Amino acid sequence: MRKIHVGELFEMATGADQVVGMGLVGFSLLLFTYYTIWVIILPFVDGDHMIHKYFLPREYSVILPGVAALILVLCVGTFIAVVTWRNRKPKKVD
């Protein structure tokens, strides 16, 4: 039997794909860092410190991820419903 290399199964990422991928990784890292500072570090900083003006009120630290999770669940559910609907087989009429 001939061994199959991973490179033969998938095409290599183009330059544009790599740029988009690195952009998504960078955005995710930035968002994670911002949220970590906002939720974990900021409660220990005095309320009148100037750093607080760069962050939303603490209530949003729970509301925004909740809304994002709700949108994610709705999108995944819609995707599953559409795929299921399109792949259903019509009933045979005898």
Foldseek 3Di string as FASTA:
>chain_A
DDDDDPCVVDPDDDPVRVVVVVVVVVVVVVVVVVLCCLPPVVVVDDPPDPVCVVDDPPVVSPVVVVVVVVVVVVVVVVVVVVVCVVPDDDDDDD
